[in-house]
C-alpha atoms as a PDB file:
ATOM      1  CA  MET A   1     -11.180  20.998 -21.432  1.00  0.00           C
ATOM      2  CA  LYS A   2     -10.969  24.851 -21.515  1.00  0.00           C
ATOM      3  CA  LEU A   3     -13.585  25.229 -18.905  1.00  0.00           C
ATOM      4  CA  ARG A   4     -11.598  23.056 -16.547  1.00  0.00           C
ATOM      5  CA  SER A   5      -8.491  24.726 -17.077  1.00  0.00           C
ATOM      6  CA  ARG A   6     -10.154  28.187 -16.411  1.00  0.00           C
ATOM      7  CA  LEU A   7     -11.898  26.680 -13.275  1.00  0.00           C
ATOM      8  CA  SER A   8      -8.501  25.227 -12.244  1.00  0.00           C
ATOM      9  CA  LYS A   9      -6.694  28.778 -12.781  1.00  0.00           C
ATOM     10  CA  ALA A  10      -9.509  30.511 -10.849  1.00  0.00           C
ATOM     11  CA  VAL A  11      -9.209  28.240  -7.986  1.00  0.00           C
ATOM     12  CA  VAL A  12      -5.202  28.728  -7.798  1.00  0.00           C
ATOM     13  CA  LEU A  13      -6.022  32.274  -8.072  1.00  0.00           C
ATOM     14  CA  ALA A  14      -8.366  32.597  -5.175  1.00  0.00           C
ATOM     15  CA  SER A  15      -6.224  30.257  -2.822  1.00  0.00           C
ATOM     16  CA  ALA A  16      -3.447  32.781  -3.297  1.00  0.00           C
ATOM     17  CA  PHE A  17      -5.604  35.623  -2.280  1.00  0.00           C
ATOM     18  CA  LEU A  18      -7.002  33.677   0.518  1.00  0.00           C
ATOM     19  CA  ALA A  19      -3.302  32.891   1.705  1.00  0.00           C
ATOM     20  CA  ILE A  20      -2.218  36.585   1.124  1.00  0.00           C
ATOM     21  CA  ALA A  21      -5.200  37.781   3.363  1.00  0.00           C
ATOM     22  CA  PHE A  22      -4.509  35.055   6.027  1.00  0.00           C
ATOM     23  CA  PHE A  23      -0.773  35.974   6.291  1.00  0.00           C
ATOM     24  CA  SER A  24      -1.314  39.659   5.961  1.00  0.00           C
ATOM     25  CA  PRO A  25      -0.400  41.475   8.957  1.00  0.00           C
ATOM     26  CA  ALA A  26      -3.406  43.730   9.042  1.00  0.00           C
ATOM     27  CA  VAL A  27      -5.596  40.513   9.776  1.00  0.00           C
ATOM     28  CA  ARG A  28      -3.287  38.517  11.938  1.00  0.00           C
ATOM     29  CA  ALA A  29      -4.988  37.360  15.328  1.00  0.00           C
ATOM     30  CA  GLU A  30      -2.191  39.164  17.333  1.00  0.00           C
ATOM     31  CA  ASP A  31      -3.699  42.573  16.163  1.00  0.00           C
ATOM     32  CA  TYR A  32      -6.131  43.306  18.718  1.00  0.00           C
ATOM     33  CA  SER A  33      -8.485  46.611  17.460  1.00  0.00           C
ATOM     34  CA  PHE A  34     -11.405  48.174  19.009  1.00  0.00           C
ATOM     35  CA  LYS A  35     -13.673  51.088  18.118  1.00  0.00           C
ATOM     36  CA  VAL A  36     -13.999  54.241  20.128  1.00  0.00           C
ATOM     37  CA  HIS A  37     -17.292  56.424  19.665  1.00  0.00           C
ATOM     38  CA  ASN A  38     -17.091  59.916  21.013  1.00  0.00           C
ATOM     39  CA  ASN A  39     -20.889  60.719  21.759  1.00  0.00           C
ATOM     40  CA  THR A  40     -20.030  63.923  23.715  1.00  0.00           C
ATOM     41  CA  LYS A  41     -20.088  67.490  22.357  1.00  0.00           C
ATOM     42  CA  GLU A  42     -16.183  67.762  23.022  1.00  0.00           C
ATOM     43  CA  THR A  43     -13.149  66.348  21.520  1.00  0.00           C
ATOM     44  CA  ILE A  44     -11.447  63.500  23.455  1.00  0.00           C
ATOM     45  CA  THR A  45      -7.855  64.378  23.841  1.00  0.00           C
ATOM     46  CA  LYS A  46      -6.724  61.354  25.660  1.00  0.00           C
ATOM     47  CA  LEU A  47      -7.438  57.768  26.380  1.00  0.00           C
ATOM     48  CA  LEU A  48      -6.031  56.324  29.345  1.00  0.00           C
ATOM     49  CA  VAL A  49      -5.741  52.633  29.989  1.00  0.00           C
ATOM     50  CA  SER A  50      -4.912  50.476  32.904  1.00  0.00           C
ATOM     51  CA  GLU A  51      -4.933  46.546  33.904  1.00  0.00           C
ATOM     52  CA  ASP A  52      -4.836  47.135  37.516  1.00  0.00           C
ATOM     53  CA  GLY A  53      -6.948  50.326  37.569  1.00  0.00           C
ATOM     54  CA  GLU A  54      -4.285  52.221  39.203  1.00  0.00           C
ATOM     55  CA  THR A  55      -1.246  52.797  37.025  1.00  0.00           C
ATOM     56  CA  TYR A  56      -2.485  54.165  33.424  1.00  0.00           C
ATOM     57  CA  GLY A  57      -0.811  54.297  29.794  1.00  0.00           C
ATOM     58  CA  TYR A  58      -2.427  56.116  27.020  1.00  0.00           C
ATOM     59  CA  PHE A  59      -3.327  55.460  23.425  1.00  0.00           C
ATOM     60  CA  ASP A  60      -1.765  57.867  20.723  1.00  0.00           C
ATOM     61  CA  ILE A  61      -4.893  59.445  19.328  1.00  0.00           C
ATOM     62  CA  GLY A  62      -3.172  62.304  17.282  1.00  0.00           C
ATOM     63  CA  ASP A  63      -5.292  65.083  17.389  1.00  0.00           C
ATOM     64  CA  GLY A  64      -8.141  63.579  19.273  1.00  0.00           C
ATOM     65  CA  ILE A  65     -11.398  61.944  18.618  1.00  0.00           C
ATOM     66  CA  LYS A  66     -13.803  64.850  17.615  1.00  0.00           C
ATOM     67  CA  ALA A  67     -17.652  64.933  18.766  1.00  0.00           C
ATOM     68  CA  GLY A  68     -19.661  62.102  17.118  1.00  0.00           C
ATOM     69  CA  GLU A  69     -16.591  60.570  15.626  1.00  0.00           C
ATOM     70  CA  THR A  70     -15.716  56.916  15.664  1.00  0.00           C
ATOM     71  CA  GLU A  71     -12.082  55.814  15.646  1.00  0.00           C
ATOM     72  CA  THR A  72     -10.321  52.291  15.003  1.00  0.00           C
ATOM     73  CA  LEU A  73      -7.502  51.550  17.476  1.00  0.00           C
ATOM     74  CA  VAL A  74      -5.022  48.782  17.692  1.00  0.00           C
ATOM     75  CA  TRP A  75      -3.343  47.398  20.881  1.00  0.00           C
ATOM     76  CA  ASN A  76       0.592  47.485  20.747  1.00  0.00           C
ATOM     77  CA  LYS A  77       1.730  43.741  20.359  1.00  0.00           C
ATOM     78  CA  SER A  78       3.689  44.250  23.887  1.00  0.00           C
ATOM     79  CA  THR A  79       0.138  43.981  25.615  1.00  0.00           C
ATOM     80  CA  ASN A  80      -0.800  40.574  24.058  1.00  0.00           C
ATOM     81  CA  SER A  81       0.075  38.830  27.391  1.00  0.00           C
ATOM     82  CA  GLN A  82      -1.927  41.073  29.365  1.00  0.00           C
ATOM     83  CA  SER A  83      -5.927  40.695  30.704  1.00  0.00           C
ATOM     84  CA  CYS A  84      -8.528  41.000  28.407  1.00  0.00           C
ATOM     85  CA  HIS A  85     -10.208  43.045  31.160  1.00  0.00           C
ATOM     86  CA  GLN A  86      -8.877  46.605  31.042  1.00  0.00           C
ATOM     87  CA  TRP A  87      -9.913  49.977  32.615  1.00  0.00           C
ATOM     88  CA  PHE A  88     -10.309  52.845  30.618  1.00  0.00           C
ATOM     89  CA  LYS A  89     -10.891  56.656  30.942  1.00  0.00           C
ATOM     90  CA  ALA A  90     -11.247  59.414  28.480  1.00  0.00           C
ATOM     91  CA  VAL A  91      -9.699  62.709  28.760  1.00  0.00           C
ATOM     92  CA  TRP A  92     -11.750  65.812  27.005  1.00  0.00           C
ATOM     93  CA  ALA A  93     -10.273  69.061  25.600  1.00  0.00           C
ATOM     94  CA  SER A  94     -11.485  71.133  28.556  1.00  0.00           C
ATOM     95  CA  GLY A  95      -9.238  68.874  30.800  1.00  0.00           C
ATOM     96  CA  GLU A  96     -12.044  66.795  32.574  1.00  0.00           C
ATOM     97  CA  GLU A  97     -11.095  63.273  33.133  1.00  0.00           C
ATOM     98  CA  GLY A  98     -14.031  60.496  33.042  1.00  0.00           C
ATOM     99  CA  LYS A  99     -14.489  57.603  35.697  1.00  0.00           C
ATOM    100  CA  PRO A 100     -12.661  54.615  34.748  1.00  0.00           C
ATOM    101  CA  VAL A 101     -14.690  51.963  33.364  1.00  0.00           C
ATOM    102  CA  LYS A 102     -13.640  48.179  32.847  1.00  0.00           C
ATOM    103  CA  PHE A 103     -14.101  46.686  29.281  1.00  0.00           C
ATOM    104  CA  ASP A 104     -13.490  43.091  27.813  1.00  0.00           C
ATOM    105  CA  PHE A 105     -11.141  43.831  25.036  1.00  0.00           C
ATOM    106  CA  CYS A 106     -11.509  39.954  24.093  1.00  0.00           C
ATOM    107  CA  GLU A 107     -15.178  40.614  23.061  1.00  0.00           C
ATOM    108  CA  LYS A 108     -15.304  40.820  19.239  1.00  0.00           C
ATOM    109  CA  ASP A 109     -16.253  44.127  17.550  1.00  0.00           C
ATOM    110  CA  LEU A 110     -16.117  46.153  20.804  1.00  0.00           C
ATOM    111  CA  THR A 111     -17.213  49.884  20.547  1.00  0.00           C
ATOM    112  CA  LEU A 112     -16.580  52.191  23.574  1.00  0.00           C
ATOM    113  CA  GLU A 113     -18.510  55.036  23.994  1.00  0.00           C
ATOM    114  CA  PHE A 114     -17.471  57.936  25.840  1.00  0.00           C
END
């Protein structure tokens, strides 16, 4: 009887943890994230993004993404109604701006490399 009681408590506790994880803002489906890997020898200072390939906004990447580093970025919820296909380009510390590249951000575990 004690074993059954302990198992019941363990199941309830596990269910509670799953419910918390499921409803946690960090793992909700509305939070779309991707990774950016800087495979150059220069710091990326800006990441520009555009749905139409003409009008660009930018991601706040703080002090930048240093050479060899990988950062995880999260889309702003205001972009949830936009297309999965977006144009992206990097700007490096020298001021050089990369050519725009189109990515599918609905792809799971997406990592952009610049």
